Amino acid sequence: MSELHNEVSELERTSATAARLFDVRRIIGGLFVVYGVMVTIAGLTASDADLRKAQNININLWTGLGMLALGLFFLVWLKLRPTVPPAAEDVPEGPGARS
């Protein structure tokens, strides 16, 4: 019985780690931060010709900052409200099992 309990505890820990690792907020937030940094750098290095094309609005800079803000929002949300894996009673047993 103790061995079975240890195996179940290990599976629960693995499930919780996988649920946190593959949370959509982490993926979306990470991508927005990475692309936001790239677009912000493009906005900081914009030439005068680029600004004239956009009626003197540095669209890359503003878009990059917006993407950074959104990405950081998702990552902070993930940190404040972490994913809780489903309880063992909520998971159907076996393939094709229905509630």
N, C-alpha and C. Protein backbone atom coordinates (compact mmCIF):
# COMPACT_ATOMS: atom_id res chain seq x y z
N MET A 1 0.82 -1.18 0.00
CA MET A 1 0.00 0.00 0.00
C MET A 1 0.87 1.25 0.00
N SER A 2 1.96 1.23 0.74
CA SER A 2 2.85 2.38 0.82
C SER A 2 3.50 2.66 -0.53
N GLU A 3 3.87 1.59 -1.24
CA GLU A 3 4.50 1.75 -2.56
C GLU A 3 3.51 2.39 -3.54
N LEU A 4 2.27 1.96 -3.49
CA LEU A 4 1.24 2.53 -4.35
C LEU A 4 1.01 4.00 -4.02
N HIS A 5 0.99 4.31 -2.74
CA HIS A 5 0.82 5.71 -2.32
C HIS A 5 1.98 6.57 -2.82
N ASN A 6 3.19 6.06 -2.75
CA ASN A 6 4.35 6.80 -3.24
C ASN A 6 4.25 7.04 -4.75
N GLU A 7 3.81 6.03 -5.49
CA GLU A 7 3.67 6.18 -6.94
C GLU A 7 2.61 7.22 -7.28
N VAL A 8 1.50 7.20 -6.57
CA VAL A 8 0.43 8.17 -6.81
C VAL A 8 0.92 9.58 -6.48
N SER A 9 1.64 9.73 -5.38
CA SER A 9 2.18 11.05 -5.02
C SER A 9 3.14 11.56 -6.08
N GLU A 10 3.96 10.69 -6.61
CA GLU A 10 4.91 11.08 -7.66
C GLU A 10 4.18 11.50 -8.93
N LEU A 11 3.14 10.77 -9.30
CA LEU A 11 2.35 11.14 -10.48
C LEU A 11 1.63 12.47 -10.29
N GLU A 12 1.15 12.73 -9.09
CA GLU A 12 0.50 14.02 -8.82
C GLU A 12 1.49 15.17 -8.94
N ARG A 13 2.70 14.99 -8.43
CA ARG A 13 3.72 16.03 -8.55
C ARG A 13 4.09 16.26 -10.01
N THR A 14 4.22 15.18 -10.78
CA THR A 14 4.55 15.29 -12.21
C THR A 14 3.43 15.99 -12.95
N SER A 15 2.19 15.67 -12.62
CA SER A 15 1.04 16.29 -13.27
C SER A 15 0.98 17.78 -12.96
N ALA A 16 1.25 18.15 -11.73
CA ALA A 16 1.23 19.56 -11.36
C ALA A 16 2.34 20.32 -12.08
N THR A 17 3.51 19.72 -12.20
CA THR A 17 4.62 20.36 -12.91
C THR A 17 4.28 20.53 -14.38
N ALA A 18 3.70 19.52 -15.01
CA ALA A 18 3.33 19.60 -16.42
C ALA A 18 2.24 20.64 -16.64
N ALA A 19 1.29 20.73 -15.72
CA ALA A 19 0.21 21.71 -15.85
C ALA A 19 0.76 23.13 -15.79
N ARG A 20 1.74 23.37 -14.91
CA ARG A 20 2.34 24.70 -14.81
C ARG A 20 3.24 24.98 -16.01
N LEU A 21 3.95 23.98 -16.49
CA LEU A 21 4.90 24.17 -17.58
C LEU A 21 4.20 24.50 -18.88
N PHE A 22 3.09 23.86 -19.17
CA PHE A 22 2.41 24.05 -20.44
C PHE A 22 1.19 24.95 -20.32
N ASP A 23 1.19 25.83 -19.35
CA ASP A 23 0.10 26.79 -19.20
C ASP A 23 0.15 27.76 -20.38
N VAL A 24 -0.99 28.02 -21.00
CA VAL A 24 -1.06 28.87 -22.18
C VAL A 24 -0.59 30.29 -21.86
N ARG A 25 -0.83 30.75 -20.65
CA ARG A 25 -0.41 32.10 -20.28
C ARG A 25 1.10 32.24 -20.35
N ARG A 26 1.84 31.19 -20.00
CA ARG A 26 3.30 31.23 -20.05
C ARG A 26 3.77 31.34 -21.50
N ILE A 27 3.15 30.58 -22.39
CA ILE A 27 3.55 30.58 -23.80
C ILE A 27 3.21 31.92 -24.44
N ILE A 28 1.98 32.40 -24.25
CA ILE A 28 1.56 33.67 -24.84
C ILE A 28 2.39 34.82 -24.27
N GLY A 29 2.54 34.85 -22.97
CA GLY A 29 3.32 35.93 -22.34
C GLY A 29 4.76 35.93 -22.80
N GLY A 30 5.38 34.76 -22.88
CA GLY A 30 6.76 34.68 -23.33
C GLY A 30 6.94 35.14 -24.76
N LEU A 31 6.03 34.72 -25.65
CA LEU A 31 6.12 35.14 -27.04
C LEU A 31 5.92 36.65 -27.18
N PHE A 32 4.95 37.20 -26.47
CA PHE A 32 4.72 38.65 -26.56
C PHE A 32 5.92 39.43 -26.02
N VAL A 33 6.56 38.95 -24.97
CA VAL A 33 7.73 39.64 -24.44
C VAL A 33 8.88 39.59 -25.45
N VAL A 34 9.13 38.42 -26.03
CA VAL A 34 10.23 38.28 -26.99
C VAL A 34 9.98 39.16 -28.21
N TYR A 35 8.80 39.06 -28.80
CA TYR A 35 8.50 39.88 -29.98
C TYR A 35 8.42 41.36 -29.62
N GLY A 36 7.94 41.67 -28.43
CA GLY A 36 7.89 43.07 -27.99
C GLY A 36 9.27 43.69 -27.88
N VAL A 37 10.23 42.92 -27.38
CA VAL A 37 11.61 43.41 -27.31
C VAL A 37 12.14 43.68 -28.71
N MET A 38 11.90 42.74 -29.64
CA MET A 38 12.40 42.91 -31.00
C MET A 38 11.77 44.12 -31.68
N VAL A 39 10.48 44.30 -31.56
CA VAL A 39 9.80 45.43 -32.21
C VAL A 39 10.18 46.74 -31.54
N THR A 40 10.37 46.74 -30.22
CA THR A 40 10.80 47.95 -29.53
C THR A 40 12.19 48.36 -29.99
N ILE A 41 13.09 47.42 -30.15
CA ILE A 41 14.43 47.74 -30.65
C ILE A 41 14.34 48.29 -32.07
N ALA A 42 13.47 47.72 -32.90
CA ALA A 42 13.27 48.25 -34.25
C ALA A 42 12.73 49.68 -34.17
N GLY A 43 11.89 49.97 -33.21
CA GLY A 43 11.35 51.32 -33.06
C GLY A 43 12.39 52.31 -32.56
N LEU A 44 13.28 51.84 -31.69
CA LEU A 44 14.33 52.73 -31.18
C LEU A 44 15.37 53.06 -32.25
N THR A 45 15.55 52.17 -33.21
CA THR A 45 16.54 52.39 -34.26
C THR A 45 15.91 52.86 -35.57
N ALA A 46 14.69 53.35 -35.53
CA ALA A 46 14.00 53.79 -36.75
C ALA A 46 14.67 55.04 -37.31
N SER A 47 14.75 55.09 -38.63
CA SER A 47 15.36 56.25 -39.29
C SER A 47 14.30 57.32 -39.52
N ASP A 48 14.77 58.48 -39.94
CA ASP A 48 13.84 59.58 -40.24
C ASP A 48 12.92 59.23 -41.40
N ALA A 49 13.44 58.48 -42.37
CA ALA A 49 12.62 58.06 -43.51
C ALA A 49 11.49 57.14 -43.06
N ASP A 50 11.80 56.25 -42.13
CA ASP A 50 10.76 55.36 -41.60
C ASP A 50 9.68 56.15 -40.87
N LEU A 51 10.08 57.14 -40.12
CA LEU A 51 9.11 57.96 -39.38
C LEU A 51 8.25 58.80 -40.33
N ARG A 52 8.85 59.30 -41.41
CA ARG A 52 8.06 60.08 -42.37
C ARG A 52 7.00 59.21 -43.04
N LYS A 53 7.32 57.94 -43.28
CA LYS A 53 6.34 57.02 -43.89
C LYS A 53 5.11 56.85 -42.99
N ALA A 54 5.32 56.94 -41.70
CA ALA A 54 4.23 56.73 -40.74
C ALA A 54 3.74 58.04 -40.15
N GLN A 55 3.90 59.14 -40.89
CA GLN A 55 3.44 60.46 -40.46
C GLN A 55 4.03 60.86 -39.11
N ASN A 56 5.32 60.61 -38.96
CA ASN A 56 6.10 60.95 -37.76
C ASN A 56 5.60 60.29 -36.48
N ILE A 57 4.97 59.14 -36.62
CA ILE A 57 4.58 58.34 -35.44
C ILE A 57 5.46 57.10 -35.44
N ASN A 58 6.16 56.88 -34.36
CA ASN A 58 7.04 55.72 -34.27
C ASN A 58 6.20 54.49 -33.92
N ILE A 59 5.56 53.93 -34.93
CA ILE A 59 4.60 52.84 -34.71
C ILE A 59 5.27 51.59 -34.15
N ASN A 60 6.51 51.34 -34.56
CA ASN A 60 7.22 50.17 -34.03
C ASN A 60 7.48 50.31 -32.53
N LEU A 61 7.85 51.50 -32.11
CA LEU A 61 8.11 51.72 -30.69
C LEU A 61 6.84 51.53 -29.87
N TRP A 62 5.74 52.15 -30.30
CA TRP A 62 4.49 52.04 -29.55
C TRP A 62 3.93 50.62 -29.57
N THR A 63 4.03 49.96 -30.71
CA THR A 63 3.55 48.57 -30.79
C THR A 63 4.40 47.65 -29.92
N GLY A 64 5.72 47.85 -29.96
CA GLY A 64 6.62 47.04 -29.14
C GLY A 64 6.36 47.22 -27.66
N LEU A 65 6.15 48.47 -27.24
CA LEU A 65 5.85 48.71 -25.83
C LEU A 65 4.52 48.09 -25.42
N GLY A 66 3.54 48.15 -26.32
CA GLY A 66 2.25 47.51 -26.04
C GLY A 66 2.38 46.00 -25.92
N MET A 67 3.18 45.42 -26.81
CA MET A 67 3.40 43.97 -26.75
C MET A 67 4.13 43.58 -25.47
N LEU A 68 5.11 44.38 -25.07
CA LEU A 68 5.81 44.11 -23.81
C LEU A 68 4.85 44.18 -22.62
N ALA A 69 4.00 45.19 -22.61
CA ALA A 69 3.04 45.33 -21.51
C ALA A 69 2.09 44.14 -21.45
N LEU A 70 1.59 43.72 -22.62
CA LEU A 70 0.67 42.58 -22.63
C LEU A 70 1.38 41.29 -22.20
N GLY A 71 2.59 41.07 -22.68
CA GLY A 71 3.34 39.88 -22.29
C GLY A 71 3.63 39.85 -20.80
N LEU A 72 4.02 41.00 -20.25
CA LEU A 72 4.27 41.06 -18.81
C LEU A 72 2.99 40.87 -18.01
N PHE A 73 1.86 41.36 -18.53
CA PHE A 73 0.57 41.13 -17.88
C PHE A 73 0.29 39.63 -17.76
N PHE A 74 0.49 38.89 -18.86
CA PHE A 74 0.24 37.45 -18.83
C PHE A 74 1.17 36.75 -17.85
N LEU A 75 2.44 37.14 -17.81
CA LEU A 75 3.39 36.48 -16.91
C LEU A 75 3.10 36.82 -15.45
N VAL A 76 2.69 38.05 -15.17
CA VAL A 76 2.33 38.41 -13.79
C VAL A 76 1.06 37.68 -13.38
N TRP A 77 0.10 37.58 -14.30
CA TRP A 77 -1.13 36.84 -14.03
C TRP A 77 -0.82 35.39 -13.69
N LEU A 78 0.11 34.80 -14.44
CA LEU A 78 0.52 33.41 -14.18
C LEU A 78 1.14 33.29 -12.80
N LYS A 79 1.94 34.28 -12.42
CA LYS A 79 2.62 34.24 -11.12
C LYS A 79 1.62 34.41 -9.97
N LEU A 80 0.63 35.29 -10.15
CA LEU A 80 -0.33 35.56 -9.08
C LEU A 80 -1.40 34.47 -8.95
N ARG A 81 -1.79 33.86 -10.07
CA ARG A 81 -2.83 32.83 -10.06
C ARG A 81 -2.32 31.57 -10.76
N PRO A 82 -1.46 30.78 -10.10
CA PRO A 82 -0.91 29.58 -10.75
C PRO A 82 -1.99 28.54 -11.04
N THR A 83 -1.68 27.69 -12.00
CA THR A 83 -2.60 26.64 -12.40
C THR A 83 -2.66 25.56 -11.34
N VAL A 84 -3.85 25.13 -11.03
CA VAL A 84 -4.05 24.03 -10.07
C VAL A 84 -4.47 22.81 -10.88
N PRO A 85 -3.73 21.71 -10.80
CA PRO A 85 -4.12 20.52 -11.55
C PRO A 85 -5.43 19.96 -11.03
N PRO A 86 -6.19 19.26 -11.88
CA PRO A 86 -7.46 18.70 -11.43
C PRO A 86 -7.26 17.64 -10.35
N ALA A 87 -8.23 17.53 -9.49
CA ALA A 87 -8.17 16.52 -8.43
C ALA A 87 -8.34 15.13 -9.04
N ALA A 88 -7.86 14.13 -8.35
CA ALA A 88 -7.92 12.76 -8.87
C ALA A 88 -9.37 12.31 -9.09
N GLU A 89 -10.31 12.84 -8.30
CA GLU A 89 -11.71 12.44 -8.44
C GLU A 89 -12.32 13.00 -9.72
N ASP A 90 -11.77 14.12 -10.24
CA ASP A 90 -12.32 14.76 -11.43
C ASP A 90 -11.83 14.14 -12.73
N VAL A 91 -10.76 13.37 -12.68
CA VAL A 91 -10.18 12.78 -13.88
C VAL A 91 -10.85 11.45 -14.17
N PRO A 92 -11.41 11.25 -15.40
CA PRO A 92 -12.03 9.97 -15.72
C PRO A 92 -10.97 8.87 -15.81
N GLU A 93 -11.37 7.65 -15.43
CA GLU A 93 -10.42 6.54 -15.45
C GLU A 93 -10.52 5.78 -16.76
N GLY A 94 -9.37 5.52 -17.34
CA GLY A 94 -9.31 4.70 -18.56
C GLY A 94 -9.70 5.47 -19.80
N PRO A 95 -9.33 4.93 -20.97
CA PRO A 95 -9.69 5.58 -22.22
C PRO A 95 -11.18 5.42 -22.51
N GLY A 96 -11.77 6.48 -22.98
CA GLY A 96 -13.18 6.45 -23.34
C GLY A 96 -14.13 6.55 -22.16
N ALA A 97 -13.62 6.76 -20.96
CA ALA A 97 -14.50 6.86 -19.79
C ALA A 97 -15.23 8.19 -19.83
N ARG A 98 -16.49 8.17 -19.45
CA ARG A 98 -17.29 9.39 -19.44
C ARG A 98 -17.81 9.64 -18.04
N SER A 99 -18.08 10.93 -17.77
CA SER A 99 -18.60 11.28 -16.45
C SER A 99 -20.09 11.09 -16.41
